[in-house]
Amino acid sequence: MSEERGRILALAKRIAPASCPILIMGSTGVGKDVLAEDIHRHSSRARGRFISINCAALTATLFESEVFGHIRGAYTGALSDKIGLAELADGGTLFLDEVGELPLESQAKLLRFLAKGSFWPVGGTRERTVDVRVMAATNRDLRSMLGTGFREDLFFRLSVVTLCIPRLHLADVRRIAASLARDTAARYEVKLSMEQIGALSALCASYPWPGGARELRNAIERYLLLYDPKLSIEDNWQALPCLPSQQPRSSPSSSRAPCPAGDLTAHVDDVIFLAVAQEVSDVRELAHRMGLSVQAIYNRLRKFDLQPKQLGRPDTMTEAMSRARGKAQPYLPWLQTILQM
């Protein structure tokens, strides 16, 4: 498992027993819903329901009816009482997938529910109270939407703990593929040895997965649906009617471009130094963050013609940062290749 994903999973394990809201962020297909269900299974609410809502598919009116329910006659077509998903999740977890797609009107109703733990069914005359843990997920940058497309007060209600899931690394693919193969094989009653599962996960790790964990899960399920025990793992893979559309990963030695000549360490370090300097307002704090002496910090500032009073002010460092980025630019493709291995 990659170090970054390992840190996220360790944090998820620590917070699972609590009942605080959790916001899970990450690009499409990285497994936000899988992580949410895993947190639920390891929480004190594991015996309760895990109810998932696709917020992207709900209009403002439909959201209120689906989440809080309605009573008969509340609106045209409401022919009977309906229990909302929030009430069905009582004692368990309510998972709001793609929460960044919620209309502002729905966000206001959700905020009120999070603040009080109670709600009014559409057309109802009695307030109802439930005990649910709310988790939300999004592939959007909610911070950039604050004040325009997403309510700031709702964001801070949801993000008591924020988990940012990184894209799949090769080590993650191996681990996830092995876990999915075990679970899916048991579901379809396909007998696979540990060696066969290892071979299948290694095969999966030889392909990039732009669709993330979801694409990987679909490929493994398709594989086990059509699995022929008379064939080898590799032959079963090649026999699939639709292999992953992309080419297998090239070996690192053949796909990685050589590092450009020059002082890589110095140029990248300059960008890092200036980025941190924009976030702190004190020389001692900058020294602590960079692991340098105070005198070394003064020397670095003089190198960029900067004064200590300019720390924490990005607007005064624009020119220095622009020069540093320009010098580091030739190394970025090479660094990106290394980080994605």
C-alpha atoms as a PDB file:
ATOM      1  CA  MET A   1       0.000   0.000   0.000  1.00  0.00           C
ATOM      2  CA  SER A   2       1.247   3.496  -0.765  1.00  0.00           C
ATOM      3  CA  GLU A   3       2.336   5.566   2.230  1.00  0.00           C
ATOM      4  CA  GLU A   4      -0.262   8.270   1.543  1.00  0.00           C
ATOM      5  CA  ARG A   5      -3.171   5.819   1.355  1.00  0.00           C
ATOM      6  CA  GLY A   6      -1.851   4.038   4.440  1.00  0.00           C
ATOM      7  CA  ARG A   7      -2.030   7.284   6.433  1.00  0.00           C
ATOM      8  CA  ILE A   8      -5.617   7.877   5.323  1.00  0.00           C
ATOM      9  CA  LEU A   9      -6.703   4.342   6.269  1.00  0.00           C
ATOM     10  CA  ALA A  10      -4.960   4.606   9.658  1.00  0.00           C
ATOM     11  CA  LEU A  11      -6.787   7.884  10.353  1.00  0.00           C
ATOM     12  CA  ALA A  12     -10.099   6.358   9.233  1.00  0.00           C
ATOM     13  CA  LYS A  13      -9.565   3.465  11.648  1.00  0.00           C
ATOM     14  CA  ARG A  14      -8.947   5.882  14.538  1.00  0.00           C
ATOM     15  CA  ILE A  15     -12.072   7.957  13.936  1.00  0.00           C
ATOM     16  CA  ALA A  16     -14.401   5.073  13.055  1.00  0.00           C
ATOM     17  CA  PRO A  17     -15.664   4.529  16.659  1.00  0.00           C
ATOM     18  CA  ALA A  18     -16.710   8.188  17.002  1.00  0.00           C
ATOM     19  CA  SER A  19     -19.992   9.623  15.752  1.00  0.00           C
ATOM     20  CA  CYS A  20     -18.683  12.881  14.307  1.00  0.00           C
ATOM     21  CA  PRO A  21     -19.458  13.859  10.698  1.00  0.00           C
ATOM     22  CA  ILE A  22     -16.811  12.944   8.115  1.00  0.00           C
ATOM     23  CA  LEU A  23     -16.169  14.517   4.720  1.00  0.00           C
ATOM     24  CA  ILE A  24     -14.413  12.240   2.209  1.00  0.00           C
ATOM     25  CA  MET A  25     -12.809  13.972  -0.763  1.00  0.00           C
ATOM     26  CA  GLY A  26     -11.146  12.527  -3.838  1.00  0.00           C
ATOM     27  CA  SER A  27     -11.435  12.147  -7.589  1.00  0.00           C
ATOM     28  CA  THR A  28     -13.997   9.858  -9.206  1.00  0.00           C
ATOM     29  CA  GLY A  29     -13.352   6.165  -8.696  1.00  0.00           C
ATOM     30  CA  VAL A  30     -10.852   6.287  -5.816  1.00  0.00           C
ATOM     31  CA  GLY A  31     -13.216   4.420  -3.480  1.00  0.00           C
ATOM     32  CA  LYS A  32     -14.900   7.108  -1.380  1.00  0.00           C
ATOM     33  CA  ASP A  33     -18.041   5.003  -0.934  1.00  0.00           C
ATOM     34  CA  VAL A  34     -15.975   1.909  -0.074  1.00  0.00           C
ATOM     35  CA  LEU A  35     -14.112   3.832   2.627  1.00  0.00           C
ATOM     36  CA  ALA A  36     -17.380   5.187   4.054  1.00  0.00           C
ATOM     37  CA  GLU A  37     -18.857   1.680   4.330  1.00  0.00           C
ATOM     38  CA  ASP A  38     -15.642   0.418   5.926  1.00  0.00           C
ATOM     39  CA  ILE A  39     -15.784   3.176   8.556  1.00  0.00           C
ATOM     40  CA  HIS A  40     -19.411   2.266   9.258  1.00  0.00           C
ATOM     41  CA  ARG A  41     -18.548  -1.444   9.686  1.00  0.00           C
ATOM     42  CA  HIS A  42     -15.870  -0.585  12.251  1.00  0.00           C
ATOM     43  CA  SER A  43     -18.008   1.900  14.186  1.00  0.00           C
ATOM     44  CA  SER A  44     -20.310   1.452  17.159  1.00  0.00           C
ATOM     45  CA  ARG A  45     -23.179   1.812  14.664  1.00  0.00           C
ATOM     46  CA  ALA A  46     -22.212  -1.262  12.645  1.00  0.00           C
ATOM     47  CA  ARG A  47     -25.477  -3.032  13.559  1.00  0.00           C
ATOM     48  CA  GLY A  48     -27.468  -0.117  12.198  1.00  0.00           C
ATOM     49  CA  ARG A  49     -28.130   0.582   8.549  1.00  0.00           C
ATOM     50  CA  PHE A  50     -25.740   2.221   6.120  1.00  0.00           C
ATOM     51  CA  ILE A  51     -28.001   4.336   3.902  1.00  0.00           C
ATOM     52  CA  SER A  52     -26.424   5.927   0.821  1.00  0.00           C
ATOM     53  CA  ILE A  53     -27.935   8.878  -1.081  1.00  0.00           C
ATOM     54  CA  ASN A  54     -26.753  10.034  -4.506  1.00  0.00           C
ATOM     55  CA  CYS A  55     -27.162  13.784  -4.102  1.00  0.00           C
ATOM     56  CA  ALA A  56     -26.396  14.420  -7.776  1.00  0.00           C
ATOM     57  CA  ALA A  57     -29.626  12.672  -8.762  1.00  0.00           C
ATOM     58  CA  LEU A  58     -31.937  14.695  -6.502  1.00  0.00           C
ATOM     59  CA  THR A  59     -33.654  18.006  -7.150  1.00  0.00           C
ATOM     60  CA  ALA A  60     -34.322  20.297  -4.188  1.00  0.00           C
ATOM     61  CA  THR A  61     -37.927  19.047  -3.854  1.00  0.00           C
ATOM     62  CA  LEU A  62     -37.036  15.398  -4.286  1.00  0.00           C
ATOM     63  CA  PHE A  63     -34.151  15.672  -1.802  1.00  0.00           C
ATOM     64  CA  GLU A  64     -36.449  16.766   1.012  1.00  0.00           C
ATOM     65  CA  SER A  65     -38.956  14.004   0.301  1.00  0.00           C
ATOM     66  CA  GLU A  66     -36.307  11.288  -0.041  1.00  0.00           C
ATOM     67  CA  VAL A  67     -34.309  12.256   3.032  1.00  0.00           C
ATOM     68  CA  PHE A  68     -37.064  13.411   5.408  1.00  0.00           C
ATOM     69  CA  GLY A  69     -40.077  11.586   3.985  1.00  0.00           C
ATOM     70  CA  HIS A  70     -43.581  12.897   3.408  1.00  0.00           C
ATOM     71  CA  ILE A  71     -47.116  12.282   4.535  1.00  0.00           C
ATOM     72  CA  ARG A  72     -50.043  11.323   2.368  1.00  0.00           C
ATOM     73  CA  GLY A  73     -51.404  14.257   0.398  1.00  0.00           C
ATOM     74  CA  ALA A  74     -48.334  16.455   0.984  1.00  0.00           C
ATOM     75  CA  TYR A  75     -48.195  17.069  -2.756  1.00  0.00           C
ATOM     76  CA  THR A  76     -49.695  15.724  -5.964  1.00  0.00           C
ATOM     77  CA  GLY A  77     -48.781  12.066  -6.276  1.00  0.00           C
ATOM     78  CA  ALA A  78     -48.102  11.527  -2.556  1.00  0.00           C
ATOM     79  CA  LEU A  79     -50.675   8.737  -2.222  1.00  0.00           C
ATOM     80  CA  SER A  80     -49.322   7.340   1.050  1.00  0.00           C
ATOM     81  CA  ASP A  81     -46.978   8.187   3.903  1.00  0.00           C
ATOM     82  CA  LYS A  82     -43.306   7.649   3.140  1.00  0.00           C
ATOM     83  CA  ILE A  83     -40.502   7.179   5.685  1.00  0.00           C
ATOM     84  CA  GLY A  84     -37.416   9.217   4.766  1.00  0.00           C
ATOM     85  CA  LEU A  85     -33.913   7.797   4.464  1.00  0.00           C
ATOM     86  CA  ALA A  86     -32.780   9.751   7.531  1.00  0.00           C
ATOM     87  CA  GLU A  87     -35.320   7.885   9.634  1.00  0.00           C
ATOM     88  CA  LEU A  88     -34.398   4.551   8.046  1.00  0.00           C
ATOM     89  CA  ALA A  89     -30.767   5.213   9.012  1.00  0.00           C
ATOM     90  CA  ASP A  90     -31.685   5.847  12.674  1.00  0.00           C
ATOM     91  CA  GLY A  91     -28.975   4.226  14.805  1.00  0.00           C
ATOM     92  CA  GLY A  92     -26.725   3.866  11.759  1.00  0.00           C
ATOM     93  CA  THR A  93     -25.032   5.982   9.099  1.00  0.00           C
ATOM     94  CA  LEU A  94     -26.407   8.335   6.451  1.00  0.00           C
ATOM     95  CA  PHE A  95     -23.948   8.676   3.550  1.00  0.00           C
ATOM     96  CA  LEU A  96     -24.364  11.693   1.253  1.00  0.00           C
ATOM     97  CA  ASP A  97     -22.526  10.832  -1.951  1.00  0.00           C
ATOM     98  CA  GLU A  98     -21.614  13.720  -4.287  1.00  0.00           C
ATOM     99  CA  VAL A  99     -22.735  16.253  -1.674  1.00  0.00           C
ATOM    100  CA  GLY A 100     -21.161  19.044  -3.734  1.00  0.00           C
ATOM    101  CA  GLU A 101     -24.001  18.697  -6.255  1.00  0.00           C
ATOM    102  CA  LEU A 102     -26.743  19.614  -3.760  1.00  0.00           C
ATOM    103  CA  PRO A 103     -28.775  22.734  -4.636  1.00  0.00           C
ATOM    104  CA  LEU A 104     -28.398  25.602  -2.143  1.00  0.00           C
ATOM    105  CA  GLU A 105     -32.011  25.168  -1.013  1.00  0.00           C
ATOM    106  CA  SER A 106     -31.320  21.553  -0.075  1.00  0.00           C
ATOM    107  CA  GLN A 107     -28.090  22.559   1.649  1.00  0.00           C
ATOM    108  CA  ALA A 108     -30.060  24.826   4.008  1.00  0.00           C
ATOM    109  CA  LYS A 109     -32.394  21.976   4.975  1.00  0.00           C
ATOM    110  CA  LEU A 110     -29.470  19.597   5.468  1.00  0.00           C
ATOM    111  CA  LEU A 111     -27.697  22.139   7.669  1.00  0.00           C
ATOM    112  CA  ARG A 112     -30.735  22.463   9.911  1.00  0.00           C
ATOM    113  CA  PHE A 113     -30.931  18.680  10.229  1.00  0.00           C
ATOM    114  CA  LEU A 114     -27.225  18.416  11.129  1.00  0.00           C
ATOM    115  CA  ALA A 115     -27.538  21.163  13.729  1.00  0.00           C
ATOM    116  CA  LYS A 116     -30.586  19.746  15.514  1.00  0.00           C
ATOM    117  CA  GLY A 117     -30.727  16.063  14.592  1.00  0.00           C
ATOM    118  CA  SER A 118     -34.419  16.535  13.874  1.00  0.00           C
ATOM    119  CA  PHE A 119     -36.584  17.252  10.824  1.00  0.00           C
ATOM    120  CA  TRP A 120     -40.139  17.745   9.584  1.00  0.00           C
ATOM    121  CA  PRO A 121     -41.446  15.335   6.932  1.00  0.00           C
ATOM    122  CA  VAL A 122     -42.883  17.140   3.913  1.00  0.00           C
ATOM    123  CA  GLY A 123     -46.441  18.075   4.861  1.00  0.00           C
ATOM    124  CA  GLY A 124     -45.917  16.778   8.412  1.00  0.00           C
ATOM    125  CA  THR A 125     -47.181  18.357  11.627  1.00  0.00           C
ATOM    126  CA  ARG A 126     -44.815  16.604  14.020  1.00  0.00           C
ATOM    127  CA  GLU A 127     -41.071  17.062  14.288  1.00  0.00           C
ATOM    128  CA  ARG A 128     -39.086  13.836  14.316  1.00  0.00           C
ATOM    129  CA  THR A 129     -35.699  13.152  15.875  1.00  0.00           C
ATOM    130  CA  VAL A 130     -33.160  10.538  14.798  1.00  0.00           C
ATOM    131  CA  ASP A 131     -29.682   9.466  15.872  1.00  0.00           C
ATOM    132  CA  VAL A 132     -27.547   9.089  12.759  1.00  0.00           C
ATOM    133  CA  ARG A 133     -23.932   9.623  11.848  1.00  0.00           C
ATOM    134  CA  VAL A 134     -23.582  11.675   8.675  1.00  0.00           C
ATOM    135  CA  MET A 135     -20.757  11.063   6.218  1.00  0.00           C
ATOM    136  CA  ALA A 136     -20.445  12.902   2.927  1.00  0.00           C
ATOM    137  CA  ALA A 137     -18.280  12.511  -0.149  1.00  0.00           C
ATOM    138  CA  THR A 138     -17.425  14.680  -3.122  1.00  0.00           C
ATOM    139  CA  ASN A 139     -15.043  14.843  -6.055  1.00  0.00           C
ATOM    140  CA  ARG A 140     -15.263  18.628  -6.095  1.00  0.00           C
ATOM    141  CA  ASP A 141     -13.132  21.231  -4.324  1.00  0.00           C
ATOM    142  CA  LEU A 142     -15.748  22.509  -1.882  1.00  0.00           C
ATOM    143  CA  ARG A 143     -13.453  25.192  -0.462  1.00  0.00           C
ATOM    144  CA  SER A 144     -13.325  26.902  -3.843  1.00  0.00           C
ATOM    145  CA  MET A 145     -17.143  26.818  -3.952  1.00  0.00           C
ATOM    146  CA  LEU A 146     -17.721  28.437  -0.544  1.00  0.00           C
ATOM    147  CA  GLY A 147     -19.988  31.456  -0.782  1.00  0.00           C
ATOM    148  CA  THR A 148     -21.048  30.646  -4.344  1.00  0.00           C
ATOM    149  CA  GLY A 149     -22.088  27.023  -4.878  1.00  0.00           C
ATOM    150  CA  PHE A 150     -21.710  25.627  -1.382  1.00  0.00           C
ATOM    151  CA  ARG A 151     -22.650  27.013   2.030  1.00  0.00           C
ATOM    152  CA  GLU A 152     -19.689  27.747   4.288  1.00  0.00           C
ATOM    153  CA  ASP A 153     -21.582  26.822   7.464  1.00  0.00           C
ATOM    154  CA  LEU A 154     -22.576  23.450   5.971  1.00  0.00           C
ATOM    155  CA  PHE A 155     -18.997  22.770   4.891  1.00  0.00           C
ATOM    156  CA  PHE A 156     -17.712  23.211   8.431  1.00  0.00           C
ATOM    157  CA  ARG A 157     -20.560  21.100   9.832  1.00  0.00           C
ATOM    158  CA  LEU A 158     -19.649  18.237   7.506  1.00  0.00           C
ATOM    159  CA  SER A 159     -15.866  18.490   7.743  1.00  0.00           C
ATOM    160  CA  VAL A 160     -15.275  17.804  11.427  1.00  0.00           C
ATOM    161  CA  VAL A 161     -12.856  15.252   9.984  1.00  0.00           C
ATOM    162  CA  THR A 162     -11.806  15.431   6.321  1.00  0.00           C
ATOM    163  CA  LEU A 163     -10.252  12.452   4.553  1.00  0.00           C
ATOM    164  CA  CYS A 164      -8.631  13.143   1.172  1.00  0.00           C
ATOM    165  CA  ILE A 165      -8.185   9.907  -0.771  1.00  0.00           C
ATOM    166  CA  PRO A 166      -5.289   9.960  -3.256  1.00  0.00           C
ATOM    167  CA  ARG A 167      -5.359   8.417  -6.714  1.00  0.00           C
ATOM    168  CA  LEU A 168      -4.458   4.742  -6.971  1.00  0.00           C
ATOM    169  CA  HIS A 169      -0.767   3.874  -6.863  1.00  0.00           C
ATOM    170  CA  LEU A 170       0.586   0.559  -8.079  1.00  0.00           C
ATOM    171  CA  ALA A 171       0.852  -0.755  -4.501  1.00  0.00           C
ATOM    172  CA  ASP A 172      -2.775   0.253  -3.860  1.00  0.00           C
ATOM    173  CA  VAL A 173      -3.966  -1.607  -6.968  1.00  0.00           C
ATOM    174  CA  ARG A 174      -2.344  -4.841  -5.763  1.00  0.00           C
ATOM    175  CA  ARG A 175      -3.931  -4.630  -2.325  1.00  0.00           C
ATOM    176  CA  ILE A 176      -7.387  -3.548  -3.505  1.00  0.00           C
ATOM    177  CA  ALA A 177      -7.421  -6.109  -6.321  1.00  0.00           C
ATOM    178  CA  ALA A 178      -6.550  -8.928  -3.900  1.00  0.00           C
ATOM    179  CA  SER A 179      -9.307  -7.876  -1.490  1.00  0.00           C
ATOM    180  CA  LEU A 180     -11.886  -7.519  -4.273  1.00  0.00           C
ATOM    181  CA  ALA A 181     -10.879 -10.883  -5.765  1.00  0.00           C
ATOM    182  CA  ARG A 182     -11.366 -12.650  -2.417  1.00  0.00           C
ATOM    183  CA  ASP A 183     -14.769 -11.082  -1.773  1.00  0.00           C
ATOM    184  CA  THR A 184     -16.072 -11.461  -5.317  1.00  0.00           C
ATOM    185  CA  ALA A 185     -14.823 -15.043  -5.646  1.00  0.00           C
ATOM    186  CA  ALA A 186     -16.693 -15.960  -2.463  1.00  0.00           C
ATOM    187  CA  ARG A 187     -19.843 -14.271  -3.747  1.00  0.00           C
ATOM    188  CA  TYR A 188     -19.761 -16.156  -7.041  1.00  0.00           C
ATOM    189  CA  GLU A 189     -18.513 -19.366  -5.382  1.00  0.00           C
ATOM    190  CA  VAL A 190     -15.323 -19.411  -7.432  1.00  0.00           C
ATOM    191  CA  LYS A 191     -12.483 -21.270  -5.744  1.00  0.00           C
ATOM    192  CA  LEU A 192      -9.213 -19.339  -5.972  1.00  0.00           C
ATOM    193  CA  SER A 193      -6.057 -20.186  -4.044  1.00  0.00           C
ATOM    194  CA  MET A 194      -3.930 -17.502  -2.415  1.00  0.00           C
ATOM    195  CA  GLU A 195      -1.399 -17.977  -5.214  1.00  0.00           C
ATOM    196  CA  GLN A 196      -4.082 -17.412  -7.849  1.00  0.00           C
ATOM    197  CA  ILE A 197      -5.363 -14.306  -6.071  1.00  0.00           C
ATOM    198  CA  GLY A 198      -1.798 -13.015  -5.910  1.00  0.00           C
ATOM    199  CA  ALA A 199      -1.312 -13.668  -9.627  1.00  0.00           C
ATOM    200  CA  LEU A 200      -4.568 -11.889 -10.484  1.00  0.00           C
ATOM    201  CA  SER A 201      -3.726  -8.853  -8.336  1.00  0.00           C
ATOM    202  CA  ALA A 202      -0.249  -8.669  -9.925  1.00  0.00           C
ATOM    203  CA  LEU A 203      -1.874  -8.783 -13.356  1.00  0.00           C
ATOM    204  CA  CYS A 204      -4.227  -5.948 -12.395  1.00  0.00           C
ATOM    205  CA  ALA A 205      -1.276  -3.906 -11.133  1.00  0.00           C
ATOM    206  CA  SER A 206       0.266  -4.038 -14.595  1.00  0.00           C
ATOM    207  CA  TYR A 207      -2.553  -1.837 -15.946  1.00  0.00           C
ATOM    208  CA  PRO A 208      -3.318   1.819 -15.186  1.00  0.00           C
ATOM    209  CA  TRP A 209      -6.882   2.437 -14.017  1.00  0.00           C
ATOM    210  CA  PRO A 210      -8.069   5.930 -14.961  1.00  0.00           C
ATOM    211  CA  GLY A 211     -11.522   5.019 -13.611  1.00  0.00           C
ATOM    212  CA  GLY A 212      -9.983   4.238 -10.229  1.00  0.00           C
ATOM    213  CA  ALA A 213     -11.243   1.580  -7.833  1.00  0.00           C
ATOM    214  CA  ARG A 214     -14.647   1.430  -9.521  1.00  0.00           C
ATOM    215  CA  GLU A 215     -13.142   0.434 -12.873  1.00  0.00           C
ATOM    216  CA  LEU A 216     -10.882  -2.078 -11.138  1.00  0.00           C
ATOM    217  CA  ARG A 217     -13.840  -3.593  -9.278  1.00  0.00           C
ATOM    218  CA  ASN A 218     -15.835  -3.946 -12.514  1.00  0.00           C
ATOM    219  CA  ALA A 219     -12.933  -5.691 -14.262  1.00  0.00           C
ATOM    220  CA  ILE A 220     -12.490  -8.209 -11.436  1.00  0.00           C
ATOM    221  CA  GLU A 221     -16.207  -8.912 -11.279  1.00  0.00           C
ATOM    222  CA  ARG A 222     -16.314  -9.446 -15.038  1.00  0.00           C
ATOM    223  CA  TYR A 223     -13.297 -11.735 -14.753  1.00  0.00           C
ATOM    224  CA  LEU A 224     -14.863 -13.935 -12.065  1.00  0.00           C
ATOM    225  CA  LEU A 225     -18.236 -14.077 -13.779  1.00  0.00           C
ATOM    226  CA  LEU A 226     -16.574 -15.630 -16.823  1.00  0.00           C
ATOM    227  CA  TYR A 227     -13.851 -17.553 -14.970  1.00  0.00           C
ATOM    228  CA  ASP A 228     -12.933 -20.973 -16.426  1.00  0.00           C
ATOM    229  CA  PRO A 229     -11.092 -23.173 -13.895  1.00  0.00           C
ATOM    230  CA  LYS A 230      -9.476 -25.122 -16.768  1.00  0.00           C
ATOM    231  CA  LEU A 231      -7.539 -22.023 -17.858  1.00  0.00           C
ATOM    232  CA  SER A 232      -4.691 -20.214 -16.118  1.00  0.00           C
ATOM    233  CA  ILE A 233      -5.151 -16.816 -14.500  1.00  0.00           C
ATOM    234  CA  GLU A 234      -3.457 -15.132 -17.483  1.00  0.00           C
ATOM    235  CA  ASP A 235      -5.458 -17.074 -20.087  1.00  0.00           C
ATOM    236  CA  ASN A 236      -8.732 -16.235 -18.314  1.00  0.00           C
ATOM    237  CA  TRP A 237      -7.735 -12.585 -18.429  1.00  0.00           C
ATOM    238  CA  GLN A 238      -6.894 -12.687 -22.111  1.00  0.00           C
ATOM    239  CA  ALA A 239     -10.193 -14.490 -22.820  1.00  0.00           C
ATOM    240  CA  LEU A 240     -12.272 -11.602 -21.466  1.00  0.00           C
ATOM    241  CA  PRO A 241     -14.535 -10.084 -24.153  1.00  0.00           C
ATOM    242  CA  CYS A 242     -13.477  -6.565 -23.132  1.00  0.00           C
ATOM    243  CA  LEU A 243     -10.051  -6.134 -21.615  1.00  0.00           C
ATOM    244  CA  PRO A 244      -9.113  -2.781 -20.025  1.00  0.00           C
ATOM    245  CA  SER A 245      -8.947  -0.334 -22.916  1.00  0.00           C
ATOM    246  CA  GLN A 246      -5.579   1.076 -21.942  1.00  0.00           C
ATOM    247  CA  GLN A 247      -2.202  -0.512 -22.515  1.00  0.00           C
ATOM    248  CA  PRO A 248      -0.433  -2.284 -19.629  1.00  0.00           C
ATOM    249  CA  ARG A 249       1.939  -0.218 -17.554  1.00  0.00           C
ATOM    250  CA  SER A 250       5.400  -0.012 -19.024  1.00  0.00           C
ATOM    251  CA  SER A 251       8.275  -0.920 -16.803  1.00  0.00           C
ATOM    252  CA  PRO A 252       9.718   2.064 -14.898  1.00  0.00           C
ATOM    253  CA  SER A 253      13.024   1.813 -16.757  1.00  0.00           C
ATOM    254  CA  SER A 254      11.354   2.098 -20.175  1.00  0.00           C
ATOM    255  CA  SER A 255       8.649   4.686 -19.376  1.00  0.00           C
ATOM    256  CA  ARG A 256      10.534   7.136 -17.190  1.00  0.00           C
ATOM    257  CA  ALA A 257      12.251  10.006 -18.948  1.00  0.00           C
ATOM    258  CA  PRO A 258      15.736  10.842 -17.629  1.00  0.00           C
ATOM    259  CA  CYS A 259      16.021  13.616 -15.086  1.00  0.00           C
ATOM    260  CA  PRO A 260      17.022  16.897 -16.768  1.00  0.00           C
ATOM    261  CA  ALA A 261      20.539  18.069 -16.071  1.00  0.00           C
ATOM    262  CA  GLY A 262      20.963  20.752 -13.446  1.00  0.00           C
ATOM    263  CA  ASP A 263      20.625  21.318  -9.721  1.00  0.00           C
ATOM    264  CA  LEU A 264      17.275  19.574  -9.140  1.00  0.00           C
ATOM    265  CA  THR A 265      17.494  19.675  -5.332  1.00  0.00           C
ATOM    266  CA  ALA A 266      18.244  23.392  -5.103  1.00  0.00           C
ATOM    267  CA  HIS A 267      15.522  24.501  -7.534  1.00  0.00           C
ATOM    268  CA  VAL A 268      12.768  22.348  -6.031  1.00  0.00           C
ATOM    269  CA  ASP A 269      13.871  23.304  -2.515  1.00  0.00           C
ATOM    270  CA  ASP A 270      13.561  26.990  -3.401  1.00  0.00           C
ATOM    271  CA  VAL A 271       9.915  26.491  -4.437  1.00  0.00           C
ATOM    272  CA  ILE A 272       9.183  24.580  -1.228  1.00  0.00           C
ATOM    273  CA  PHE A 273      10.899  27.223   0.911  1.00  0.00           C
ATOM    274  CA  LEU A 274       8.912  30.074  -0.640  1.00  0.00           C
ATOM    275  CA  ALA A 275       5.624  28.151  -0.438  1.00  0.00           C
ATOM    276  CA  VAL A 276       6.126  27.572   3.296  1.00  0.00           C
ATOM    277  CA  ALA A 277       7.261  31.166   3.777  1.00  0.00           C
ATOM    278  CA  GLN A 278       3.904  32.307   2.407  1.00  0.00           C
ATOM    279  CA  GLU A 279       2.101  30.351   5.144  1.00  0.00           C
ATOM    280  CA  VAL A 280       3.988  31.530   8.248  1.00  0.00           C
ATOM    281  CA  SER A 281       4.558  34.952   9.721  1.00  0.00           C
ATOM    282  CA  ASP A 282       7.535  34.322  11.977  1.00  0.00           C
ATOM    283  CA  VAL A 283      11.176  33.463  11.246  1.00  0.00           C
ATOM    284  CA  ARG A 284      11.346  30.944  14.097  1.00  0.00           C
ATOM    285  CA  GLU A 285       8.233  29.147  12.907  1.00  0.00           C
ATOM    286  CA  LEU A 286       9.649  28.990   9.376  1.00  0.00           C
ATOM    287  CA  ALA A 287      12.912  27.602  10.765  1.00  0.00           C
ATOM    288  CA  HIS A 288      10.976  24.938  12.660  1.00  0.00           C
ATOM    289  CA  ARG A 289       8.884  23.995   9.599  1.00  0.00           C
ATOM    290  CA  MET A 290      11.937  23.761   7.334  1.00  0.00           C
ATOM    291  CA  GLY A 291      14.224  22.068   9.860  1.00  0.00           C
ATOM    292  CA  LEU A 292      16.789  24.881   9.555  1.00  0.00           C
ATOM    293  CA  SER A 293      18.471  27.290  11.950  1.00  0.00           C
ATOM    294  CA  VAL A 294      17.186  30.858  12.306  1.00  0.00           C
ATOM    295  CA  GLN A 295      20.414  32.154  10.754  1.00  0.00           C
ATOM    296  CA  ALA A 296      19.928  29.852   7.757  1.00  0.00           C
ATOM    297  CA  ILE A 297      16.436  31.294   7.280  1.00  0.00           C
ATOM    298  CA  TYR A 298      17.833  34.855   7.251  1.00  0.00           C
ATOM    299  CA  ASN A 299      20.401  33.766   4.646  1.00  0.00           C
ATOM    300  CA  ARG A 300      17.698  32.190   2.469  1.00  0.00           C
ATOM    301  CA  LEU A 301      15.537  35.314   2.680  1.00  0.00           C
ATOM    302  CA  ARG A 302      18.484  37.482   1.590  1.00  0.00           C
ATOM    303  CA  LYS A 303      18.964  35.154  -1.402  1.00  0.00           C
ATOM    304  CA  PHE A 304      15.490  36.124  -2.618  1.00  0.00           C
ATOM    305  CA  ASP A 305      15.792  39.809  -1.567  1.00  0.00           C
ATOM    306  CA  LEU A 306      13.045  39.295   0.993  1.00  0.00           C
ATOM    307  CA  GLN A 307      12.590  40.781   4.471  1.00  0.00           C
ATOM    308  CA  PRO A 308      11.273  38.891   7.544  1.00  0.00           C
ATOM    309  CA  LYS A 309       8.268  41.234   7.629  1.00  0.00           C
ATOM    310  CA  GLN A 310       7.207  39.837   4.243  1.00  0.00           C
ATOM    311  CA  LEU A 311       6.616  36.347   5.666  1.00  0.00           C
ATOM    312  CA  GLY A 312       3.007  35.203   5.457  1.00  0.00           C
ATOM    313  CA  ARG A 313       2.248  37.661   2.653  1.00  0.00           C
ATOM    314  CA  PRO A 314       2.034  35.857  -0.704  1.00  0.00           C
ATOM    315  CA  ASP A 315       1.481  39.140  -2.546  1.00  0.00           C
ATOM    316  CA  THR A 316       5.015  40.323  -1.631  1.00  0.00           C
ATOM    317  CA  MET A 317       6.627  37.077  -2.816  1.00  0.00           C
ATOM    318  CA  THR A 318       5.032  36.807  -6.254  1.00  0.00           C
ATOM    319  CA  GLU A 319       8.165  37.755  -8.186  1.00  0.00           C
ATOM    320  CA  ALA A 320      10.480  35.480  -6.176  1.00  0.00           C
ATOM    321  CA  MET A 321       8.067  32.539  -6.463  1.00  0.00           C
ATOM    322  CA  SER A 322       7.665  33.092 -10.209  1.00  0.00           C
ATOM    323  CA  ARG A 323      11.460  32.930 -10.721  1.00  0.00           C
ATOM    324  CA  ALA A 324      11.758  29.817  -8.546  1.00  0.00           C
ATOM    325  CA  ARG A 325       8.928  28.041 -10.356  1.00  0.00           C
ATOM    326  CA  GLY A 326      10.466  28.868 -13.720  1.00  0.00           C
ATOM    327  CA  LYS A 327      13.752  27.225 -12.699  1.00  0.00           C
ATOM    328  CA  ALA A 328      11.953  24.138 -11.288  1.00  0.00           C
ATOM    329  CA  GLN A 329       9.572  23.748 -14.258  1.00  0.00           C
ATOM    330  CA  PRO A 330      11.821  21.455 -16.366  1.00  0.00           C
ATOM    331  CA  TYR A 331      11.906  18.894 -13.542  1.00  0.00           C
ATOM    332  CA  LEU A 332       8.145  18.666 -12.944  1.00  0.00           C
ATOM    333  CA  PRO A 333       7.311  15.959 -15.560  1.00  0.00           C
ATOM    334  CA  TRP A 334      10.112  13.783 -14.188  1.00  0.00           C
ATOM    335  CA  LEU A 335       8.993  14.320 -10.588  1.00  0.00           C
ATOM    336  CA  GLN A 336       5.373  13.548 -11.489  1.00  0.00           C
ATOM    337  CA  THR A 337       6.467  10.249 -13.058  1.00  0.00           C
ATOM    338  CA  ILE A 338       8.357   9.316  -9.883  1.00  0.00           C
ATOM    339  CA  LEU A 339       5.440  10.204  -7.587  1.00  0.00           C
ATOM    340  CA  GLN A 340       2.928   8.172  -9.611  1.00  0.00           C
ATOM    341  CA  MET A 341       4.984   4.979  -9.654  1.00  0.00           C
END
